[in-house]
C-alpha atoms as a PDB file:
ATOM      1  CA  MET A   1     101.229 187.368  83.906  1.00  0.00           C
ATOM      2  CA  ALA A   2     103.972 184.361  85.150  1.00  0.00           C
ATOM      3  CA  PRO A   3     101.862 181.526  87.134  1.00  0.00           C
ATOM      4  CA  LYS A   4     104.648 182.429  89.942  1.00  0.00           C
ATOM      5  CA  GLU A   5     103.423 186.201  89.903  1.00  0.00           C
ATOM      6  CA  TYR A   6      99.994 185.432  89.461  1.00  0.00           C
ATOM      7  CA  LEU A   7     100.170 182.889  92.625  1.00  0.00           C
ATOM      8  CA  GLU A   8     102.114 185.652  94.486  1.00  0.00           C
ATOM      9  CA  GLN A   9      99.194 188.462  93.899  1.00  0.00           C
ATOM     10  CA  HIS A  10      96.747 186.053  95.086  1.00  0.00           C
ATOM     11  CA  VAL A  11      97.421 184.890  99.036  1.00  0.00           C
ATOM     12  CA  GLU A  12      93.651 184.993  99.667  1.00  0.00           C
ATOM     13  CA  LEU A  13      91.545 182.709  97.522  1.00  0.00           C
ATOM     14  CA  THR A  14      91.105 183.769  94.002  1.00  0.00           C
ATOM     15  CA  ALA A  15      86.795 184.512  92.551  1.00  0.00           C
ATOM     16  CA  PHE A  16      87.609 181.268  90.279  1.00  0.00           C
ATOM     17  CA  GLU A  17      88.894 179.630  93.516  1.00  0.00           C
ATOM     18  CA  LYS A  18      85.582 180.968  95.268  1.00  0.00           C
ATOM     19  CA  GLN A  19      83.198 180.036  92.800  1.00  0.00           C
ATOM     20  CA  ILE A  20      84.348 175.884  92.435  1.00  0.00           C
ATOM     21  CA  LEU A  21      84.449 176.099  96.377  1.00  0.00           C
ATOM     22  CA  ASP A  22      80.741 177.174  96.649  1.00  0.00           C
ATOM     23  CA  ALA A  23      80.165 174.664  94.401  1.00  0.00           C
ATOM     24  CA  LEU A  24      81.717 171.716  95.928  1.00  0.00           C
ATOM     25  CA  THR A  25      79.977 172.530  98.800  1.00  0.00           C
ATOM     26  CA  GLU A  26      76.625 173.429  98.115  1.00  0.00           C
ATOM     27  CA  GLY A  27      73.758 171.718  99.691  1.00  0.00           C
ATOM     28  CA  SER A  28      71.471 171.694 102.330  1.00  0.00           C
ATOM     29  CA  HIS A  29      72.870 168.750 104.568  1.00  0.00           C
ATOM     30  CA  ALA A  30      75.131 169.367 107.459  1.00  0.00           C
ATOM     31  CA  ALA A  31      78.367 168.378 106.212  1.00  0.00           C
ATOM     32  CA  LEU A  32      78.445 170.639 103.613  1.00  0.00           C
ATOM     33  CA  ARG A  33      76.781 173.616 105.823  1.00  0.00           C
ATOM     34  CA  THR A  34      80.497 173.085 107.871  1.00  0.00           C
ATOM     35  CA  LEU A  35      82.581 172.672 105.087  1.00  0.00           C
ATOM     36  CA  ARG A  36      81.092 176.249 103.841  1.00  0.00           C
ATOM     37  CA  SER A  37      81.304 177.449 107.067  1.00  0.00           C
ATOM     38  CA  GLN A  38      85.225 176.256 107.429  1.00  0.00           C
ATOM     39  CA  VAL A  39      85.874 177.883 103.496  1.00  0.00           C
ATOM     40  CA  ALA A  40      83.994 181.207 104.414  1.00  0.00           C
ATOM     41  CA  ALA A  41      86.652 181.213 107.977  1.00  0.00           C
ATOM     42  CA  SER A  42      89.948 179.684 105.964  1.00  0.00           C
ATOM     43  CA  ASP A  43      92.796 181.518 104.330  1.00  0.00           C
ATOM     44  CA  VAL A  44      95.504 180.809 101.467  1.00  0.00           C
ATOM     45  CA  VAL A  45      98.783 178.870 102.979  1.00  0.00           C
ATOM     46  CA  ASP A  46     100.270 177.890  99.923  1.00  0.00           C
ATOM     47  CA  ARG A  47      99.742 177.517  96.674  1.00  0.00           C
ATOM     48  CA  GLU A  48     101.319 175.322  93.745  1.00  0.00           C
ATOM     49  CA  LEU A  49     100.825 174.968  90.087  1.00  0.00           C
ATOM     50  CA  THR A  50     101.797 171.490  88.926  1.00  0.00           C
ATOM     51  CA  GLY A  51     101.489 172.036  85.335  1.00  0.00           C
ATOM     52  CA  ALA A  52      98.025 170.398  84.608  1.00  0.00           C
ATOM     53  CA  GLY A  53      96.547 171.785  87.427  1.00  0.00           C
ATOM     54  CA  CYS A  54      97.169 173.580  91.029  1.00  0.00           C
ATOM     55  CA  TYR A  55      96.714 172.490  94.959  1.00  0.00           C
ATOM     56  CA  THR A  56      95.872 175.323  97.050  1.00  0.00           C
ATOM     57  CA  GLU A  57      96.842 174.563 101.061  1.00  0.00           C
ATOM     58  CA  LEU A  58      93.900 176.166 103.132  1.00  0.00           C
ATOM     59  CA  ARG A  59      93.893 177.289 107.015  1.00  0.00           C
ATOM     60  CA  VAL A  60      90.589 176.985 108.639  1.00  0.00           C
ATOM     61  CA  ASP A  61      90.353 178.952 111.645  1.00  0.00           C
ATOM     62  CA  PRO A  62      90.294 176.983 114.794  1.00  0.00           C
ATOM     63  CA  SER A  63      87.749 178.119 116.662  1.00  0.00           C
ATOM     64  CA  VAL A  64      85.060 177.006 113.291  1.00  0.00           C
ATOM     65  CA  PRO A  65      83.828 173.913 114.271  1.00  0.00           C
ATOM     66  CA  SER A  66      85.160 170.584 112.332  1.00  0.00           C
ATOM     67  CA  LEU A  67      83.091 167.875 110.396  1.00  0.00           C
ATOM     68  CA  GLU A  68      82.287 164.899 113.077  1.00  0.00           C
ATOM     69  CA  GLY A  69      83.151 162.210 113.022  1.00  0.00           C
ATOM     70  CA  ALA A  70      85.454 162.469 110.284  1.00  0.00           C
ATOM     71  CA  LYS A  71      88.444 160.330 108.963  1.00  0.00           C
ATOM     72  CA  GLU A  72      91.825 161.187 108.864  1.00  0.00           C
ATOM     73  CA  THR A  73      92.243 162.713 105.198  1.00  0.00           C
ATOM     74  CA  CYS A  74      89.796 162.277 102.264  1.00  0.00           C
ATOM     75  CA  CYS A  75      88.394 163.781  99.773  1.00  0.00           C
ATOM     76  CA  PHE A  76      85.482 163.908  97.430  1.00  0.00           C
ATOM     77  CA  GLY A  77      83.868 166.241  94.520  1.00  0.00           C
ATOM     78  CA  ASP A  78      81.740 165.748  91.692  1.00  0.00           C
ATOM     79  CA  VAL A  79      82.354 169.218  89.919  1.00  0.00           C
ATOM     80  CA  HIS A  80      83.262 169.408  86.135  1.00  0.00           C
ATOM     81  CA  ALA A  81      84.064 173.039  84.562  1.00  0.00           C
ATOM     82  CA  ASP A  82      84.505 174.336  81.178  1.00  0.00           C
ATOM     83  CA  MET A  83      87.278 176.958  81.380  1.00  0.00           C
ATOM     84  CA  ASP A  84      88.546 179.369  78.715  1.00  0.00           C
ATOM     85  CA  GLY A  85      91.377 177.609  77.155  1.00  0.00           C
ATOM     86  CA  VAL A  86      90.908 174.568  78.607  1.00  0.00           C
ATOM     87  CA  ILE A  87      89.425 171.813  75.712  1.00  0.00           C
ATOM     88  CA  ALA A  88      88.676 168.972  77.559  1.00  0.00           C
ATOM     89  CA  GLY A  89      87.480 170.861  81.083  1.00  0.00           C
ATOM     90  CA  ALA A  90      88.416 170.366  84.281  1.00  0.00           C
ATOM     91  CA  GLY A  91      87.963 168.380  87.660  1.00  0.00           C
ATOM     92  CA  PHE A  92      88.661 169.426  91.552  1.00  0.00           C
ATOM     93  CA  LEU A  93      89.011 167.536  95.205  1.00  0.00           C
ATOM     94  CA  LEU A  94      88.249 168.902  98.587  1.00  0.00           C
ATOM     95  CA  TRP A  95      90.444 167.602 100.626  1.00  0.00           C
ATOM     96  CA  LEU A  96      89.698 167.336 104.484  1.00  0.00           C
ATOM     97  CA  GLU A  97      92.324 166.599 107.311  1.00  0.00           C
ATOM     98  CA  ARG A  98      90.484 165.341 110.764  1.00  0.00           C
ATOM     99  CA  GLY A  99      87.610 167.201 109.781  1.00  0.00           C
ATOM    100  CA  ARG A 100      88.754 170.635 108.743  1.00  0.00           C
ATOM    101  CA  VAL A 101      89.448 171.754 105.102  1.00  0.00           C
ATOM    102  CA  ALA A 102      92.819 171.145 104.088  1.00  0.00           C
ATOM    103  CA  SER A 103      93.629 171.753 100.500  1.00  0.00           C
ATOM    104  CA  LEU A 104      91.944 172.503  96.699  1.00  0.00           C
ATOM    105  CA  GLU A 105      92.755 170.036  93.751  1.00  0.00           C
ATOM    106  CA  SER A 106      92.261 171.483  90.532  1.00  0.00           C
ATOM    107  CA  TYR A 107      92.932 169.778  87.694  1.00  0.00           C
ATOM    108  CA  THR A 108      92.546 169.368  83.590  1.00  0.00           C
ATOM    109  CA  TYR A 109      91.404 165.903  81.984  1.00  0.00           C
ATOM    110  CA  GLY A 110      93.841 164.444  79.834  1.00  0.00           C
ATOM    111  CA  GLU A 111      97.305 166.668  79.312  1.00  0.00           C
ATOM    112  CA  GLU A 112      96.439 170.247  79.251  1.00  0.00           C
ATOM    113  CA  ARG A 113      97.981 172.836  80.860  1.00  0.00           C
ATOM    114  CA  TRP A 114      96.273 174.675  83.669  1.00  0.00           C
ATOM    115  CA  PRO A 115      95.718 178.127  82.038  1.00  0.00           C
ATOM    116  CA  ASP A 116      98.040 181.205  84.001  1.00  0.00           C
ATOM    117  CA  GLN A 117      94.662 182.695  84.635  1.00  0.00           C
ATOM    118  CA  PRO A 118      91.943 180.556  85.712  1.00  0.00           C
ATOM    119  CA  ARG A 119      88.273 181.550  84.060  1.00  0.00           C
ATOM    120  CA  LEU A 120      85.713 179.717  84.758  1.00  0.00           C
ATOM    121  CA  LEU A 121      82.829 179.475  81.569  1.00  0.00           C
ATOM    122  CA  ARG A 122      80.384 177.042  83.452  1.00  0.00           C
ATOM    123  CA  TRP A 123      80.461 174.224  85.973  1.00  0.00           C
ATOM    124  CA  ARG A 124      77.917 171.353  86.670  1.00  0.00           C
ATOM    125  CA  HIS A 125      77.870 168.670  89.643  1.00  0.00           C
ATOM    126  CA  GLN A 126      77.664 164.964  88.156  1.00  0.00           C
ATOM    127  CA  TYR A 127      74.989 164.050  91.001  1.00  0.00           C
ATOM    128  CA  ASP A 128      71.908 165.061  92.478  1.00  0.00           C
ATOM    129  CA  GLU A 129      72.404 166.730  96.273  1.00  0.00           C
ATOM    130  CA  HIS A 130      71.101 163.960  97.932  1.00  0.00           C
ATOM    131  CA  THR A 131      73.712 161.784  96.427  1.00  0.00           C
ATOM    132  CA  ARG A 132      76.340 164.365  97.014  1.00  0.00           C
ATOM    133  CA  ALA A 133      75.841 164.083 100.748  1.00  0.00           C
ATOM    134  CA  GLN A 134      75.844 160.465 100.914  1.00  0.00           C
ATOM    135  CA  MET A 135      79.083 160.444  98.269  1.00  0.00           C
ATOM    136  CA  LEU A 136      80.566 162.772 101.020  1.00  0.00           C
ATOM    137  CA  LEU A 137      79.465 160.645 104.405  1.00  0.00           C
ATOM    138  CA  ARG A 138      80.740 157.281 102.031  1.00  0.00           C
ATOM    139  CA  GLN A 139      84.293 158.798 101.887  1.00  0.00           C
ATOM    140  CA  CYS A 140      84.692 161.111 104.710  1.00  0.00           C
ATOM    141  CA  ILE A 141      82.418 160.170 107.739  1.00  0.00           C
ATOM    142  CA  THR A 142      83.927 156.918 110.138  1.00  0.00           C
ATOM    143  CA  ARG A 143      80.589 156.962 111.902  1.00  0.00           C
ATOM    144  CA  ASP A 144      77.530 154.436 110.990  1.00  0.00           C
ATOM    145  CA  ASP A 145      74.697 157.598 112.387  1.00  0.00           C
ATOM    146  CA  ALA A 146      75.996 159.617 110.341  1.00  0.00           C
ATOM    147  CA  ALA A 147      72.846 159.684 108.295  1.00  0.00           C
ATOM    148  CA  PRO A 148      71.570 163.192 105.825  1.00  0.00           C
END
């Protein structure tokens, strides 16, 4: 199946995207819980294949709360994945705009092409939960009092 056909058939989050978004927002910190609730209430607006990755643009239901104290734009991510047909693996960033989930950036390491139908073999976090929460706060929150 060609990439364009694959994208046209998936106007909702794919199972692959859901797995990655779950991994990116995993944890007990309030900020991660807020992002999980946003992901659960989001729709896919657009997807763009870049050759070495994919951007999945999301729109969050306006009734779901924003991440308090968030910067205008930021991203974070510590999820690395082994994927079928991608030798060096892949990485992912969750982009936020004004405290709301905006897009998922998926990319291969090196010069490998993004598969037409990505299949996750396994994923791992680069950091422990506490460090991940601190990274999110440091990169995405402007307030000094936003401690975990």
